[in-house]
Amino acid sequence: MKKKWISLLVVIMLFTVGTAVYAHGTDQEISIFNFDEMLPFMKQMHPNWSDEQLEDMYNDCHGYGDSNREEYMNR
C-alpha cells in the first residue's frame, strides 16, 4: 500500500513539474509584433481607417514600447 502512495505522489509531482516547465517555455516563445509588421493585417481588418487611426489603436492596445507591454498585461 505504501508503494502505491509513493508512486502516485511521484506521478503527481512529475505532471506538476512538467506542466510548469511547459508553461514557462511557451511564455518565452510569444512573438511581439511591432506596428509596421501588424499594419497590413490591421488594414485588412479596418480598410476604411487611416494609418494614424490604426497606429493610435495599436498604441492603445500595446503601449508605446516593449517596456510598457508587461505593465499593461499585468493590469
PDB file of N, CA and C in Angstrom:
ATOM      1  N   MET A   1       0.817  -1.193   0.000  1.00  0.00           N
ATOM      2  CA  MET A   1       0.000   0.000   0.000  1.00  0.00           C
ATOM      3  C   MET A   1       0.866   1.264   0.000  1.00  0.00           C
ATOM      4  N   LYS A   2       1.966   1.201   0.732  1.00  0.00           N
ATOM      5  CA  LYS A   2       2.878   2.330   0.810  1.00  0.00           C
ATOM      6  C   LYS A   2       3.477   2.637  -0.567  1.00  0.00           C
ATOM      7  N   LYS A   3       3.799   1.601  -1.322  1.00  0.00           N
ATOM      8  CA  LYS A   3       4.398   1.780  -2.645  1.00  0.00           C
ATOM      9  C   LYS A   3       3.425   2.466  -3.599  1.00  0.00           C
ATOM     10  N   LYS A   4       2.149   2.164  -3.473  1.00  0.00           N
ATOM     11  CA  LYS A   4       1.148   2.794  -4.336  1.00  0.00           C
ATOM     12  C   LYS A   4       1.058   4.295  -4.062  1.00  0.00           C
ATOM     13  N   TRP A   5       1.078   4.685  -2.793  1.00  0.00           N
ATOM     14  CA  TRP A   5       1.009   6.097  -2.436  1.00  0.00           C
ATOM     15  C   TRP A   5       2.252   6.850  -2.903  1.00  0.00           C
ATOM     16  N   ILE A   6       3.400   6.220  -2.745  1.00  0.00           N
ATOM     17  CA  ILE A   6       4.646   6.852  -3.192  1.00  0.00           C
ATOM     18  C   ILE A   6       4.634   6.994  -4.709  1.00  0.00           C
ATOM     19  N   SER A   7       4.197   5.950  -5.410  1.00  0.00           N
ATOM     20  CA  SER A   7       4.119   6.003  -6.872  1.00  0.00           C
ATOM     21  C   SER A   7       3.160   7.100  -7.323  1.00  0.00           C
ATOM     22  N   LEU A   8       2.005   7.190  -6.678  1.00  0.00           N
ATOM     23  CA  LEU A   8       1.033   8.222  -7.014  1.00  0.00           C
ATOM     24  C   LEU A   8       1.606   9.617  -6.774  1.00  0.00           C
ATOM     25  N   LEU A   9       2.303   9.790  -5.670  1.00  0.00           N
ATOM     26  CA  LEU A   9       2.919  11.077  -5.362  1.00  0.00           C
ATOM     27  C   LEU A   9       3.976  11.446  -6.412  1.00  0.00           C
ATOM     28  N   VAL A  10       4.768  10.483  -6.833  1.00  0.00           N
ATOM     29  CA  VAL A  10       5.796  10.730  -7.852  1.00  0.00           C
ATOM     30  C   VAL A  10       5.145  11.126  -9.173  1.00  0.00           C
ATOM     31  N   VAL A  11       4.090  10.439  -9.562  1.00  0.00           N
ATOM     32  CA  VAL A  11       3.402  10.767 -10.816  1.00  0.00           C
ATOM     33  C   VAL A  11       2.814  12.173 -10.751  1.00  0.00           C
ATOM     34  N   ILE A  12       2.193  12.518  -9.644  1.00  0.00           N
ATOM     35  CA  ILE A  12       1.625  13.865  -9.490  1.00  0.00           C
ATOM     36  C   ILE A  12       2.721  14.920  -9.559  1.00  0.00           C
ATOM     37  N   MET A  13       3.838  14.672  -8.928  1.00  0.00           N
ATOM     38  CA  MET A  13       4.952  15.634  -8.965  1.00  0.00           C
ATOM     39  C   MET A  13       5.491  15.784 -10.377  1.00  0.00           C
ATOM     40  N   LEU A  14       5.608  14.677 -11.119  1.00  0.00           N
ATOM     41  CA  LEU A  14       6.101  14.749 -12.493  1.00  0.00           C
ATOM     42  C   LEU A  14       5.163  15.569 -13.381  1.00  0.00           C
ATOM     43  N   PHE A  15       3.864  15.356 -13.244  1.00  0.00           N
ATOM     44  CA  PHE A  15       2.915  16.144 -14.024  1.00  0.00           C
ATOM     45  C   PHE A  15       2.970  17.616 -13.650  1.00  0.00           C
ATOM     46  N   THR A  16       3.114  17.908 -12.381  1.00  0.00           N
ATOM     47  CA  THR A  16       3.184  19.300 -11.923  1.00  0.00           C
ATOM     48  C   THR A  16       4.427  19.989 -12.469  1.00  0.00           C
ATOM     49  N   VAL A  17       5.563  19.349 -12.348  1.00  0.00           N
ATOM     50  CA  VAL A  17       6.813  19.932 -12.843  1.00  0.00           C
ATOM     51  C   VAL A  17       6.764  20.042 -14.369  1.00  0.00           C
ATOM     52  N   GLY A  18       6.258  19.022 -15.031  1.00  0.00           N
ATOM     53  CA  GLY A  18       6.161  19.050 -16.495  1.00  0.00           C
ATOM     54  C   GLY A  18       5.274  20.177 -16.979  1.00  0.00           C
ATOM     55  N   THR A  19       4.168  20.390 -16.320  1.00  0.00           N
ATOM     56  CA  THR A  19       3.259  21.474 -16.696  1.00  0.00           C
ATOM     57  C   THR A  19       3.921  22.833 -16.486  1.00  0.00           C
ATOM     58  N   ALA A  20       4.624  22.992 -15.382  1.00  0.00           N
ATOM     59  CA  ALA A  20       5.301  24.266 -15.105  1.00  0.00           C
ATOM     60  C   ALA A  20       6.388  24.539 -16.138  1.00  0.00           C
ATOM     61  N   VAL A  21       7.150  23.533 -16.496  1.00  0.00           N
ATOM     62  CA  VAL A  21       8.213  23.703 -17.497  1.00  0.00           C
ATOM     63  C   VAL A  21       7.604  24.046 -18.847  1.00  0.00           C
ATOM     64  N   TYR A  22       6.537  23.368 -19.214  1.00  0.00           N
ATOM     65  CA  TYR A  22       5.871  23.645 -20.489  1.00  0.00           C
ATOM     66  C   TYR A  22       5.325  25.073 -20.523  1.00  0.00           C
ATOM     67  N   ALA A  23       4.672  25.494 -19.448  1.00  0.00           N
ATOM     68  CA  ALA A  23       4.106  26.838 -19.398  1.00  0.00           C
ATOM     69  C   ALA A  23       5.196  27.901 -19.486  1.00  0.00           C
ATOM     70  N   HIS A  24       6.302  27.667 -18.823  1.00  0.00           N
ATOM     71  CA  HIS A  24       7.404  28.628 -18.876  1.00  0.00           C
ATOM     72  C   HIS A  24       7.990  28.687 -20.277  1.00  0.00           C
ATOM     73  N   GLY A  25       8.123  27.555 -20.922  1.00  0.00           N
ATOM     74  CA  GLY A  25       8.692  27.505 -22.270  1.00  0.00           C
ATOM     75  C   GLY A  25       7.826  28.199 -23.287  1.00  0.00           C
ATOM     76  N   THR A  26       6.506  28.027 -23.230  1.00  0.00           N
ATOM     77  CA  THR A  26       5.638  28.661 -24.207  1.00  0.00           C
ATOM     78  C   THR A  26       5.539  30.153 -23.972  1.00  0.00           C
ATOM     79  N   ASP A  27       5.711  30.618 -22.738  1.00  0.00           N
ATOM     80  CA  ASP A  27       5.667  32.044 -22.448  1.00  0.00           C
ATOM     81  C   ASP A  27       6.812  32.767 -23.151  1.00  0.00           C
ATOM     82  N   GLN A  28       7.947  32.130 -23.253  1.00  0.00           N
ATOM     83  CA  GLN A  28       9.114  32.744 -23.873  1.00  0.00           C
ATOM     84  C   GLN A  28       8.999  32.796 -25.391  1.00  0.00           C
ATOM     85  N   GLU A  29       8.113  31.997 -25.976  1.00  0.00           N
ATOM     86  CA  GLU A  29       8.018  31.909 -27.426  1.00  0.00           C
ATOM     87  C   GLU A  29       6.995  32.866 -28.024  1.00  0.00           C
ATOM     88  N   ILE A  30       6.346  33.657 -27.198  1.00  0.00           N
ATOM     89  CA  ILE A  30       5.362  34.603 -27.709  1.00  0.00           C
ATOM     90  C   ILE A  30       6.103  35.694 -28.469  1.00  0.00           C
ATOM     91  N   SER A  31       5.736  35.869 -29.718  1.00  0.00           N
ATOM     92  CA  SER A  31       6.412  36.892 -30.502  1.00  0.00           C
ATOM     93  C   SER A  31       5.661  38.208 -30.368  1.00  0.00           C
ATOM     94  N   ILE A  32       6.395  39.276 -30.366  1.00  0.00           N
ATOM     95  CA  ILE A  32       5.814  40.604 -30.239  1.00  0.00           C
ATOM     96  C   ILE A  32       5.973  41.295 -31.587  1.00  0.00           C
ATOM     97  N   PHE A  33       4.865  41.630 -32.199  1.00  0.00           N
ATOM     98  CA  PHE A  33       4.895  42.305 -33.485  1.00  0.00           C
ATOM     99  C   PHE A  33       4.933  43.808 -33.262  1.00  0.00           C
ATOM    100  N   ASN A  34       5.714  44.488 -34.071  1.00  0.00           N
ATOM    101  CA  ASN A  34       5.696  45.939 -33.978  1.00  0.00           C
ATOM    102  C   ASN A  34       4.626  46.486 -34.932  1.00  0.00           C
ATOM    103  N   PHE A  35       4.434  47.766 -34.905  1.00  0.00           N
ATOM    104  CA  PHE A  35       3.354  48.377 -35.681  1.00  0.00           C
ATOM    105  C   PHE A  35       3.519  48.131 -37.174  1.00  0.00           C
ATOM    106  N   ASP A  36       4.742  48.248 -37.670  1.00  0.00           N
ATOM    107  CA  ASP A  36       4.975  48.071 -39.110  1.00  0.00           C
ATOM    108  C   ASP A  36       4.647  46.659 -39.575  1.00  0.00           C
ATOM    109  N   GLU A  37       4.906  45.673 -38.725  1.00  0.00           N
ATOM    110  CA  GLU A  37       4.593  44.288 -39.087  1.00  0.00           C
ATOM    111  C   GLU A  37       3.090  44.017 -39.029  1.00  0.00           C
ATOM    112  N   MET A  38       2.400  44.706 -38.144  1.00  0.00           N
ATOM    113  CA  MET A  38       0.961  44.487 -37.981  1.00  0.00           C
ATOM    114  C   MET A  38       0.110  45.302 -38.957  1.00  0.00           C
ATOM    115  N   LEU A  39       0.679  46.352 -39.534  1.00  0.00           N
ATOM    116  CA  LEU A  39      -0.089  47.275 -40.363  1.00  0.00           C
ATOM    117  C   LEU A  39      -0.859  46.586 -41.495  1.00  0.00           C
ATOM    118  N   PRO A  40      -0.259  45.672 -42.258  1.00  0.00           N
ATOM    119  CA  PRO A  40      -1.033  45.034 -43.330  1.00  0.00           C
ATOM    120  C   PRO A  40      -2.264  44.274 -42.812  1.00  0.00           C
ATOM    121  N   PHE A  41      -2.134  43.602 -41.686  1.00  0.00           N
ATOM    122  CA  PHE A  41      -3.256  42.864 -41.114  1.00  0.00           C
ATOM    123  C   PHE A  41      -4.327  43.817 -40.595  1.00  0.00           C
ATOM    124  N   MET A  42      -3.885  44.908 -39.985  1.00  0.00           N
ATOM    125  CA  MET A  42      -4.822  45.879 -39.445  1.00  0.00           C
ATOM    126  C   MET A  42      -5.589  46.573 -40.575  1.00  0.00           C
ATOM    127  N   LYS A  43      -4.899  46.850 -41.690  1.00  0.00           N
ATOM    128  CA  LYS A  43      -5.574  47.467 -42.835  1.00  0.00           C
ATOM    129  C   LYS A  43      -6.606  46.509 -43.432  1.00  0.00           C
ATOM    130  N   GLN A  44      -6.300  45.245 -43.375  1.00  0.00           N
ATOM    131  CA  GLN A  44      -7.231  44.247 -43.883  1.00  0.00           C
ATOM    132  C   GLN A  44      -8.499  44.196 -43.018  1.00  0.00           C
ATOM    133  N   MET A  45      -8.329  44.323 -41.716  1.00  0.00           N
ATOM    134  CA  MET A  45      -9.464  44.262 -40.800  1.00  0.00           C
ATOM    135  C   MET A  45     -10.245  45.579 -40.762  1.00  0.00           C
ATOM    136  N   HIS A  46      -9.550  46.692 -40.968  1.00  0.00           N
ATOM    137  CA  HIS A  46     -10.174  48.019 -40.891  1.00  0.00           C
ATOM    138  C   HIS A  46      -9.792  48.819 -42.143  1.00  0.00           C
ATOM    139  N   PRO A  47     -10.347  48.473 -43.294  1.00  0.00           N
ATOM    140  CA  PRO A  47      -9.900  49.097 -44.554  1.00  0.00           C
ATOM    141  C   PRO A  47     -10.192  50.589 -44.658  1.00  0.00           C
ATOM    142  N   ASN A  48     -11.147  51.081 -43.923  1.00  0.00           N
ATOM    143  CA  ASN A  48     -11.518  52.497 -44.034  1.00  0.00           C
ATOM    144  C   ASN A  48     -10.769  53.397 -43.061  1.00  0.00           C
ATOM    145  N   TRP A  49      -9.914  52.835 -42.241  1.00  0.00           N
ATOM    146  CA  TRP A  49      -9.183  53.614 -41.244  1.00  0.00           C
ATOM    147  C   TRP A  49      -7.892  54.160 -41.846  1.00  0.00           C
ATOM    148  N   SER A  50      -7.484  55.323 -41.374  1.00  0.00           N
ATOM    149  CA  SER A  50      -6.202  55.901 -41.811  1.00  0.00           C
ATOM    150  C   SER A  50      -5.067  55.242 -41.024  1.00  0.00           C
ATOM    151  N   ASP A  51      -3.849  55.430 -41.524  1.00  0.00           N
ATOM    152  CA  ASP A  51      -2.678  54.882 -40.821  1.00  0.00           C
ATOM    153  C   ASP A  51      -2.561  55.465 -39.409  1.00  0.00           C
ATOM    154  N   GLU A  52      -2.922  56.732 -39.277  1.00  0.00           N
ATOM    155  CA  GLU A  52      -2.848  57.382 -37.961  1.00  0.00           C
ATOM    156  C   GLU A  52      -3.842  56.754 -36.982  1.00  0.00           C
ATOM    157  N   GLN A  53      -5.056  56.471 -37.441  1.00  0.00           N
ATOM    158  CA  GLN A  53      -6.053  55.827 -36.585  1.00  0.00           C
ATOM    159  C   GLN A  53      -5.599  54.423 -36.184  1.00  0.00           C
ATOM    160  N   LEU A  54      -5.021  53.710 -37.133  1.00  0.00           N
ATOM    161  CA  LEU A  54      -4.532  52.355 -36.842  1.00  0.00           C
ATOM    162  C   LEU A  54      -3.388  52.393 -35.834  1.00  0.00           C
ATOM    163  N   GLU A  55      -2.507  53.379 -35.988  1.00  0.00           N
ATOM    164  CA  GLU A  55      -1.392  53.490 -35.046  1.00  0.00           C
ATOM    165  C   GLU A  55      -1.891  53.847 -33.647  1.00  0.00           C
ATOM    166  N   ASP A  56      -2.885  54.719 -33.571  1.00  0.00           N
ATOM    167  CA  ASP A  56      -3.473  55.049 -32.270  1.00  0.00           C
ATOM    168  C   ASP A  56      -4.084  53.811 -31.615  1.00  0.00           C
ATOM    169  N   MET A  57      -4.790  53.014 -32.398  1.00  0.00           N
ATOM    170  CA  MET A  57      -5.385  51.796 -31.863  1.00  0.00           C
ATOM    171  C   MET A  57      -4.297  50.827 -31.397  1.00  0.00           C
ATOM    172  N   TYR A  58      -3.249  50.678 -32.203  1.00  0.00           N
ATOM    173  CA  TYR A  58      -2.145  49.789 -31.849  1.00  0.00           C
ATOM    174  C   TYR A  58      -1.502  50.232 -30.528  1.00  0.00           C
ATOM    175  N   ASN A  59      -1.250  51.525 -30.396  1.00  0.00           N
ATOM    176  CA  ASN A  59      -0.624  52.040 -29.178  1.00  0.00           C
ATOM    177  C   ASN A  59      -1.540  51.903 -27.961  1.00  0.00           C
ATOM    178  N   ASP A  60      -2.847  52.048 -28.167  1.00  0.00           N
ATOM    179  CA  ASP A  60      -3.786  51.849 -27.056  1.00  0.00           C
ATOM    180  C   ASP A  60      -3.772  50.405 -26.573  1.00  0.00           C
ATOM    181  N   CYS A  61      -3.599  49.482 -27.495  1.00  0.00           N
ATOM    182  CA  CYS A  61      -3.615  48.059 -27.126  1.00  0.00           C
ATOM    183  C   CYS A  61      -2.264  47.556 -26.630  1.00  0.00           C
ATOM    184  N   HIS A  62      -1.183  48.073 -27.198  1.00  0.00           N
ATOM    185  CA  HIS A  62       0.144  47.513 -26.914  1.00  0.00           C
ATOM    186  C   HIS A  62       1.065  48.448 -26.155  1.00  0.00           C
ATOM    187  N   GLY A  63       0.660  49.643 -25.895  1.00  0.00           N
ATOM    188  CA  GLY A  63       1.542  50.586 -25.224  1.00  0.00           C
ATOM    189  C   GLY A  63       2.451  51.269 -26.223  1.00  0.00           C
ATOM    190  N   TYR A  64       3.325  52.095 -25.721  1.00  0.00           N
ATOM    191  CA  TYR A  64       4.209  52.875 -26.590  1.00  0.00           C
ATOM    192  C   TYR A  64       5.625  52.338 -26.583  1.00  0.00           C
ATOM    193  N   GLY A  65       5.791  51.050 -26.429  1.00  0.00           N
ATOM    194  CA  GLY A  65       7.113  50.435 -26.431  1.00  0.00           C
ATOM    195  C   GLY A  65       7.037  49.089 -25.746  1.00  0.00           C
ATOM    196  N   ASP A  66       8.067  48.289 -25.908  1.00  0.00           N
ATOM    197  CA  ASP A  66       8.074  46.952 -25.324  1.00  0.00           C
ATOM    198  C   ASP A  66       8.086  46.995 -23.802  1.00  0.00           C
ATOM    199  N   SER A  67       8.621  48.072 -23.216  1.00  0.00           N
ATOM    200  CA  SER A  67       8.692  48.142 -21.760  1.00  0.00           C
ATOM    201  C   SER A  67       7.300  48.280 -21.144  1.00  0.00           C
ATOM    202  N   ASN A  68       6.360  48.864 -21.876  1.00  0.00           N
ATOM    203  CA  ASN A  68       5.004  49.030 -21.359  1.00  0.00           C
ATOM    204  C   ASN A  68       4.178  47.759 -21.461  1.00  0.00           C
ATOM    205  N   ARG A  69       4.609  46.816 -22.272  1.00  0.00           N
ATOM    206  CA  ARG A  69       3.807  45.618 -22.528  1.00  0.00           C
ATOM    207  C   ARG A  69       3.561  44.832 -21.246  1.00  0.00           C
ATOM    208  N   GLU A  70       4.594  44.567 -20.476  1.00  0.00           N
ATOM    209  CA  GLU A  70       4.427  43.784 -19.254  1.00  0.00           C
ATOM    210  C   GLU A  70       3.541  44.520 -18.256  1.00  0.00           C
ATOM    211  N   GLU A  71       3.756  45.823 -18.117  1.00  0.00           N
ATOM    212  CA  GLU A  71       2.939  46.613 -17.196  1.00  0.00           C
ATOM    213  C   GLU A  71       1.482  46.592 -17.618  1.00  0.00           C
ATOM    214  N   TYR A  72       1.227  46.716 -18.923  1.00  0.00           N
ATOM    215  CA  TYR A  72      -0.146  46.719 -19.445  1.00  0.00           C
ATOM    216  C   TYR A  72      -0.800  45.356 -19.243  1.00  0.00           C
ATOM    217  N   MET A  73      -0.065  44.288 -19.479  1.00  0.00           N
ATOM    218  CA  MET A  73      -0.618  42.942 -19.389  1.00  0.00           C
ATOM    219  C   MET A  73      -0.886  42.526 -17.934  1.00  0.00           C
ATOM    220  N   ASN A  74      -0.213  43.140 -16.968  1.00  0.00           N
ATOM    221  CA  ASN A  74      -0.396  42.783 -15.571  1.00  0.00           C
ATOM    222  C   ASN A  74      -1.556  43.525 -14.914  1.00  0.00           C
ATOM    223  N   ARG A  75      -2.222  44.383 -15.628  1.00  0.00           N
ATOM    224  CA  ARG A  75      -3.348  45.143 -15.044  1.00  0.00           C
ATOM    225  C   ARG A  75      -4.532  44.241 -14.831  1.00  0.00           C
TER     226      ARG A  75
END
